[in-house]
N, C-alpha and C. Protein backbone atom coordinates (compact mmCIF):
# COMPACT_ATOMS: atom_id res chain seq x y z
N MET A 1 105.15 74.41 -79.89
CA MET A 1 104.64 74.72 -78.58
C MET A 1 105.53 75.77 -77.88
N SER A 2 106.84 75.63 -78.02
CA SER A 2 107.74 76.61 -77.41
C SER A 2 107.60 77.96 -78.10
N ALA A 3 107.24 77.98 -79.38
CA ALA A 3 107.06 79.23 -80.10
C ALA A 3 105.88 80.01 -79.52
N LYS A 4 104.84 79.31 -79.09
CA LYS A 4 103.68 79.97 -78.51
C LYS A 4 104.04 80.62 -77.18
N ILE A 5 104.87 79.95 -76.37
CA ILE A 5 105.30 80.50 -75.10
C ILE A 5 106.15 81.74 -75.33
N LEU A 6 107.02 81.66 -76.29
CA LEU A 6 107.89 82.79 -76.61
C LEU A 6 107.06 83.99 -77.06
N ASN A 7 106.04 83.74 -77.91
CA ASN A 7 105.19 84.83 -78.37
C ASN A 7 104.40 85.44 -77.22
N ALA A 8 103.98 84.61 -76.27
CA ALA A 8 103.24 85.14 -75.13
C ALA A 8 104.13 86.04 -74.28
N ASN A 9 105.39 85.63 -74.11
CA ASN A 9 106.33 86.47 -73.36
C ASN A 9 106.60 87.78 -74.09
N GLU A 10 106.74 87.69 -75.40
CA GLU A 10 106.99 88.90 -76.18
C GLU A 10 105.81 89.87 -76.07
N LYS A 11 104.61 89.34 -76.08
CA LYS A 11 103.43 90.20 -75.99
C LYS A 11 103.40 90.93 -74.64
N THR A 12 103.72 90.22 -73.55
CA THR A 12 103.70 90.89 -72.25
C THR A 12 104.78 91.95 -72.17
N CYS A 13 105.94 91.67 -72.76
CA CYS A 13 107.01 92.66 -72.74
C CYS A 13 106.64 93.87 -73.59
N GLN A 14 106.03 93.61 -74.76
CA GLN A 14 105.64 94.72 -75.62
C GLN A 14 104.55 95.55 -74.96
N HIS A 15 103.65 94.88 -74.28
CA HIS A 15 102.57 95.59 -73.61
C HIS A 15 103.12 96.50 -72.51
N ALA A 16 104.09 96.03 -71.76
CA ALA A 16 104.68 96.84 -70.70
C ALA A 16 105.42 98.04 -71.29
N ALA A 17 106.01 97.87 -72.45
CA ALA A 17 106.76 98.96 -73.07
C ALA A 17 105.83 100.01 -73.66
N MET A 18 104.57 99.69 -73.86
CA MET A 18 103.64 100.61 -74.49
C MET A 18 102.95 101.53 -73.46
N LYS A 19 103.31 101.44 -72.20
CA LYS A 19 102.70 102.30 -71.20
C LYS A 19 102.96 103.76 -71.52
N HIS A 20 102.06 104.59 -71.13
CA HIS A 20 102.20 106.02 -71.35
C HIS A 20 103.40 106.53 -70.54
N PRO A 21 104.26 107.36 -71.10
CA PRO A 21 105.47 107.79 -70.39
C PRO A 21 105.18 108.58 -69.11
N GLN A 22 104.05 109.24 -69.00
CA GLN A 22 103.72 110.01 -67.80
C GLN A 22 103.44 109.11 -66.60
N GLN A 23 103.11 107.85 -66.80
CA GLN A 23 102.79 106.95 -65.71
C GLN A 23 104.01 106.62 -64.85
N ASN A 24 105.19 106.69 -65.42
CA ASN A 24 106.39 106.31 -64.69
C ASN A 24 107.03 107.48 -63.94
N LYS A 25 106.59 108.70 -64.19
CA LYS A 25 107.21 109.86 -63.56
C LYS A 25 106.48 110.20 -62.26
N ARG A 26 107.26 110.60 -61.26
CA ARG A 26 106.68 111.05 -59.99
C ARG A 26 106.69 112.56 -59.94
N ALA A 27 105.82 113.10 -59.11
CA ALA A 27 105.81 114.54 -58.91
C ALA A 27 107.06 114.95 -58.14
N PRO A 28 107.66 116.08 -58.46
CA PRO A 28 108.86 116.51 -57.73
C PRO A 28 108.52 116.81 -56.27
N GLN A 29 109.43 116.46 -55.37
CA GLN A 29 109.20 116.65 -53.95
C GLN A 29 109.71 118.01 -53.52
N ALA A 30 108.93 118.69 -52.67
CA ALA A 30 109.31 120.01 -52.20
C ALA A 30 110.44 119.93 -51.18
N HIS A 31 110.50 118.87 -50.40
CA HIS A 31 111.55 118.69 -49.40
C HIS A 31 112.01 117.25 -49.43
N PRO A 32 113.22 116.95 -48.93
CA PRO A 32 113.71 115.57 -48.96
C PRO A 32 112.86 114.68 -48.06
N PRO A 33 112.70 113.43 -48.42
CA PRO A 33 111.90 112.54 -47.59
C PRO A 33 112.52 112.36 -46.21
N ALA A 34 111.68 112.06 -45.24
CA ALA A 34 112.15 111.94 -43.86
C ALA A 34 113.18 110.82 -43.70
N LEU A 35 113.09 109.80 -44.51
CA LEU A 35 114.01 108.69 -44.37
C LEU A 35 115.40 109.00 -44.90
N SER A 36 115.57 110.13 -45.58
CA SER A 36 116.92 110.48 -46.05
C SER A 36 117.76 111.05 -44.91
N VAL A 37 117.13 111.36 -43.79
CA VAL A 37 117.84 111.85 -42.61
C VAL A 37 118.03 110.67 -41.66
N PRO A 38 119.23 110.49 -41.09
CA PRO A 38 119.45 109.36 -40.19
C PRO A 38 118.53 109.39 -38.97
N SER A 39 118.29 108.23 -38.40
CA SER A 39 117.36 108.14 -37.28
C SER A 39 117.83 108.94 -36.07
N TYR A 40 119.14 108.98 -35.82
CA TYR A 40 119.61 109.74 -34.66
C TYR A 40 119.31 111.23 -34.83
N HIS A 41 119.36 111.73 -36.06
CA HIS A 41 119.03 113.14 -36.31
C HIS A 41 117.56 113.39 -36.01
N ARG A 42 116.68 112.50 -36.49
CA ARG A 42 115.24 112.65 -36.24
C ARG A 42 114.93 112.56 -34.75
N ILE A 43 115.62 111.68 -34.02
CA ILE A 43 115.40 111.52 -32.59
C ILE A 43 115.75 112.82 -31.86
N LEU A 44 116.90 113.39 -32.18
CA LEU A 44 117.34 114.62 -31.51
C LEU A 44 116.43 115.79 -31.83
N VAL A 45 115.97 115.88 -33.07
CA VAL A 45 115.07 116.96 -33.46
C VAL A 45 113.73 116.81 -32.73
N LYS A 46 113.24 115.58 -32.67
CA LYS A 46 111.95 115.32 -32.03
C LYS A 46 111.94 115.78 -30.57
N HIS A 47 113.03 115.59 -29.88
CA HIS A 47 113.11 115.93 -28.46
C HIS A 47 113.67 117.32 -28.22
N GLY A 48 113.89 118.08 -29.29
CA GLY A 48 114.30 119.47 -29.15
C GLY A 48 115.74 119.67 -28.74
N LEU A 49 116.58 118.67 -28.96
CA LEU A 49 117.99 118.80 -28.57
C LEU A 49 118.83 119.46 -29.65
N ILE A 50 118.37 119.41 -30.90
CA ILE A 50 119.06 120.09 -32.00
C ILE A 50 118.02 120.72 -32.91
N GLU A 51 118.49 121.61 -33.77
CA GLU A 51 117.63 122.21 -34.78
C GLU A 51 117.56 121.26 -35.98
N LYS A 52 116.47 121.34 -36.71
CA LYS A 52 116.27 120.49 -37.88
C LYS A 52 117.31 120.76 -38.96
N THR A 53 117.87 121.96 -38.97
CA THR A 53 118.82 122.34 -40.01
C THR A 53 120.26 121.94 -39.70
N MET A 54 120.51 121.36 -38.53
CA MET A 54 121.88 120.97 -38.17
C MET A 54 122.39 119.89 -39.12
N SER A 55 123.67 119.99 -39.45
CA SER A 55 124.26 119.02 -40.38
C SER A 55 124.29 117.63 -39.74
N ILE A 56 124.33 116.63 -40.57
CA ILE A 56 124.30 115.24 -40.10
C ILE A 56 125.54 114.90 -39.28
N PRO A 57 126.76 115.28 -39.68
CA PRO A 57 127.93 114.97 -38.84
C PRO A 57 127.87 115.64 -37.47
N ASP A 58 127.41 116.90 -37.44
CA ASP A 58 127.29 117.59 -36.16
C ASP A 58 126.22 116.95 -35.28
N ALA A 59 125.13 116.51 -35.91
CA ALA A 59 124.06 115.85 -35.16
C ALA A 59 124.57 114.54 -34.57
N TYR A 60 125.44 113.84 -35.29
CA TYR A 60 125.98 112.59 -34.76
C TYR A 60 126.86 112.85 -33.54
N LYS A 61 127.63 113.92 -33.59
CA LYS A 61 128.47 114.28 -32.43
C LYS A 61 127.60 114.58 -31.21
N VAL A 62 126.50 115.29 -31.44
CA VAL A 62 125.57 115.58 -30.34
C VAL A 62 124.95 114.28 -29.83
N PHE A 63 124.59 113.39 -30.75
CA PHE A 63 123.99 112.11 -30.35
C PHE A 63 124.95 111.30 -29.48
N LEU A 64 126.23 111.34 -29.82
CA LEU A 64 127.22 110.64 -29.01
C LEU A 64 127.31 111.24 -27.61
N LYS A 65 127.23 112.57 -27.53
CA LYS A 65 127.24 113.23 -26.23
C LYS A 65 126.00 112.85 -25.42
N VAL A 66 124.86 112.80 -26.09
CA VAL A 66 123.61 112.42 -25.41
C VAL A 66 123.74 110.99 -24.89
N GLY A 67 124.28 110.10 -25.69
CA GLY A 67 124.44 108.72 -25.27
C GLY A 67 125.43 108.55 -24.14
N ALA A 68 126.39 109.47 -24.03
CA ALA A 68 127.39 109.39 -22.97
C ALA A 68 126.92 110.03 -21.67
N ASP A 69 125.79 110.71 -21.71
CA ASP A 69 125.27 111.36 -20.51
C ASP A 69 124.84 110.31 -19.48
N PRO A 70 125.24 110.47 -18.22
CA PRO A 70 124.91 109.46 -17.19
C PRO A 70 123.41 109.26 -16.99
N GLU A 71 122.63 110.32 -17.07
CA GLU A 71 121.18 110.19 -16.88
C GLU A 71 120.56 109.38 -18.01
N VAL A 72 120.99 109.64 -19.22
CA VAL A 72 120.46 108.91 -20.38
C VAL A 72 120.88 107.44 -20.29
N GLN A 73 122.13 107.19 -19.88
CA GLN A 73 122.59 105.81 -19.75
C GLN A 73 121.78 105.05 -18.71
N LYS A 74 121.46 105.73 -17.62
CA LYS A 74 120.67 105.09 -16.56
C LYS A 74 119.28 104.73 -17.08
N LEU A 75 118.65 105.66 -17.79
CA LEU A 75 117.32 105.38 -18.36
C LEU A 75 117.38 104.33 -19.46
N ARG A 76 118.46 104.35 -20.22
CA ARG A 76 118.61 103.37 -21.31
C ARG A 76 118.75 101.96 -20.75
N ARG A 77 119.44 101.83 -19.61
CA ARG A 77 119.58 100.51 -18.98
C ARG A 77 118.23 99.98 -18.52
N LYS A 78 117.37 100.87 -18.06
CA LYS A 78 116.03 100.44 -17.64
C LYS A 78 115.21 99.99 -18.84
N VAL A 79 115.40 100.66 -19.98
CA VAL A 79 114.66 100.33 -21.19
C VAL A 79 115.13 98.99 -21.75
N ALA A 80 116.42 98.77 -21.78
CA ALA A 80 116.98 97.55 -22.37
C ALA A 80 117.86 96.84 -21.35
N PRO A 81 117.26 96.05 -20.46
CA PRO A 81 118.07 95.35 -19.46
C PRO A 81 118.95 94.28 -20.09
N GLY A 82 120.07 94.03 -19.46
CA GLY A 82 120.99 93.00 -19.94
C GLY A 82 121.85 93.51 -21.09
N ASN A 83 122.47 92.58 -21.77
CA ASN A 83 123.37 92.92 -22.87
C ASN A 83 122.74 92.51 -24.20
N ARG A 84 121.49 92.90 -24.42
CA ARG A 84 120.80 92.47 -25.63
C ARG A 84 121.00 93.43 -26.79
N ILE A 85 121.54 94.60 -26.55
CA ILE A 85 121.76 95.55 -27.64
C ILE A 85 123.10 95.21 -28.29
N LYS A 86 123.02 94.63 -29.46
CA LYS A 86 124.25 94.20 -30.12
C LYS A 86 124.45 94.89 -31.45
N HIS A 87 123.48 95.68 -31.91
CA HIS A 87 123.68 96.39 -33.15
C HIS A 87 123.20 97.82 -32.99
N VAL A 88 123.69 98.68 -33.82
CA VAL A 88 123.52 100.11 -33.64
C VAL A 88 122.06 100.56 -33.66
N PRO A 89 121.22 100.12 -34.59
CA PRO A 89 119.84 100.61 -34.57
C PRO A 89 119.11 100.35 -33.25
N ALA A 90 119.38 99.25 -32.59
CA ALA A 90 118.76 98.99 -31.30
C ALA A 90 119.23 100.00 -30.26
N LEU A 91 120.49 100.40 -30.35
CA LEU A 91 121.02 101.42 -29.46
C LEU A 91 120.30 102.75 -29.70
N TYR A 92 120.05 103.08 -30.96
CA TYR A 92 119.31 104.29 -31.27
C TYR A 92 117.91 104.23 -30.67
N LEU A 93 117.27 103.08 -30.81
CA LEU A 93 115.93 102.91 -30.28
C LEU A 93 115.91 103.04 -28.77
N ALA A 94 116.87 102.43 -28.10
CA ALA A 94 116.94 102.51 -26.64
C ALA A 94 117.18 103.94 -26.18
N THR A 95 118.02 104.68 -26.90
CA THR A 95 118.27 106.07 -26.56
C THR A 95 117.01 106.90 -26.79
N ALA A 96 116.32 106.64 -27.89
CA ALA A 96 115.07 107.37 -28.17
C ALA A 96 114.04 107.09 -27.09
N MET A 97 113.94 105.86 -26.64
CA MET A 97 112.97 105.52 -25.60
C MET A 97 113.37 106.16 -24.27
N ALA A 98 114.67 106.23 -24.01
CA ALA A 98 115.13 106.89 -22.79
C ALA A 98 114.80 108.38 -22.82
N LEU A 99 115.00 109.00 -23.98
CA LEU A 99 114.67 110.43 -24.11
C LEU A 99 113.17 110.65 -23.99
N GLN A 100 112.39 109.72 -24.50
CA GLN A 100 110.94 109.86 -24.44
C GLN A 100 110.45 109.77 -22.99
N GLY A 101 111.18 109.05 -22.16
CA GLY A 101 110.80 108.92 -20.76
C GLY A 101 111.19 110.11 -19.90
N MET A 102 111.92 111.06 -20.49
CA MET A 102 112.36 112.23 -19.73
C MET A 102 111.31 113.34 -19.80
N THR A 103 111.24 114.13 -18.74
CA THR A 103 110.34 115.28 -18.73
C THR A 103 110.97 116.43 -19.50
N LYS A 104 110.19 117.48 -19.73
CA LYS A 104 110.73 118.65 -20.45
C LYS A 104 111.87 119.29 -19.67
N GLN A 105 111.74 119.32 -18.35
CA GLN A 105 112.79 119.91 -17.52
C GLN A 105 114.07 119.07 -17.62
N GLU A 106 113.93 117.76 -17.60
CA GLU A 106 115.11 116.88 -17.72
C GLU A 106 115.76 117.04 -19.09
N LEU A 107 114.95 117.19 -20.14
CA LEU A 107 115.50 117.39 -21.48
C LEU A 107 116.23 118.72 -21.57
N GLU A 108 115.69 119.76 -20.94
CA GLU A 108 116.36 121.06 -20.94
C GLU A 108 117.69 120.99 -20.18
N ALA A 109 117.69 120.28 -19.06
CA ALA A 109 118.93 120.11 -18.29
C ALA A 109 119.96 119.32 -19.11
N LEU A 110 119.50 118.30 -19.83
CA LEU A 110 120.38 117.51 -20.70
C LEU A 110 120.97 118.41 -21.79
N LYS A 111 120.13 119.24 -22.37
CA LYS A 111 120.61 120.14 -23.43
C LYS A 111 121.70 121.07 -22.90
N LEU A 112 121.52 121.58 -21.68
CA LEU A 112 122.54 122.44 -21.08
C LEU A 112 123.83 121.67 -20.80
N ARG A 113 123.71 120.43 -20.32
CA ARG A 113 124.91 119.62 -20.05
C ARG A 113 125.67 119.32 -21.33
N ILE A 114 124.96 119.07 -22.40
CA ILE A 114 125.60 118.76 -23.68
C ILE A 114 126.34 119.99 -24.20
N GLU A 115 125.71 121.16 -24.10
CA GLU A 115 126.32 122.38 -24.63
C GLU A 115 127.57 122.79 -23.86
N GLU A 116 127.64 122.47 -22.57
CA GLU A 116 128.80 122.91 -21.79
C GLU A 116 129.97 121.94 -21.87
N ARG A 117 129.77 120.76 -22.41
CA ARG A 117 130.88 119.81 -22.56
C ARG A 117 131.83 120.26 -23.64
N PRO A 118 133.13 119.94 -23.51
CA PRO A 118 134.08 120.32 -24.56
C PRO A 118 133.75 119.60 -25.86
N ALA A 119 133.98 120.30 -26.97
CA ALA A 119 133.62 119.78 -28.28
C ALA A 119 134.56 118.68 -28.75
N SER A 120 135.83 118.72 -28.35
CA SER A 120 136.78 117.73 -28.86
C SER A 120 137.35 116.90 -27.72
N LYS A 121 137.74 115.70 -28.06
CA LYS A 121 138.35 114.80 -27.09
C LYS A 121 139.87 114.93 -27.09
N SER A 122 140.42 115.69 -28.04
CA SER A 122 141.86 115.78 -28.17
C SER A 122 142.51 116.40 -26.94
N SER A 123 141.79 117.29 -26.25
CA SER A 123 142.37 117.92 -25.07
C SER A 123 142.45 116.94 -23.90
N LEU A 124 141.62 115.89 -23.93
CA LEU A 124 141.64 114.90 -22.86
C LEU A 124 142.86 113.99 -22.93
N GLY A 125 143.38 113.79 -24.12
CA GLY A 125 144.47 112.84 -24.29
C GLY A 125 145.86 113.45 -24.14
N ARG A 126 145.95 114.73 -23.88
CA ARG A 126 147.27 115.38 -23.79
C ARG A 126 147.92 115.05 -22.45
N VAL A 127 149.23 114.94 -22.49
CA VAL A 127 150.01 114.65 -21.29
C VAL A 127 150.72 115.93 -20.87
N ALA A 128 150.64 116.25 -19.58
CA ALA A 128 151.29 117.46 -19.08
C ALA A 128 152.80 117.29 -19.08
N ASN A 129 153.52 118.32 -19.49
CA ASN A 129 155.00 118.27 -19.54
C ASN A 129 155.59 118.74 -18.25
């Protein structure tokens, strides 16, 4: 009886191995899938704050500046009241919703505020001699 079960398993395995090799291959993709780009990059591109070609590390720096903007923080608090945001993806979602609630003029003003801020924090930590 166990030999019959073993033969049945062997038949299913052999059948799976006999598939045509073309069935397992996918067509080559012309561009990388959207999910290979982090959500913060897609959020910033969607709202016109960065170009689609910006590198991921640079986009993250811009996203941090956007999150530190007082107007965005105010809108984000309205979107997510209380202290319920405890993990990063929820913070991304709240920032995206805050940006979605902004008008084109507000987004343009935000873009200008981000561009005029200093790029590094190292100058903030220096002590005058």
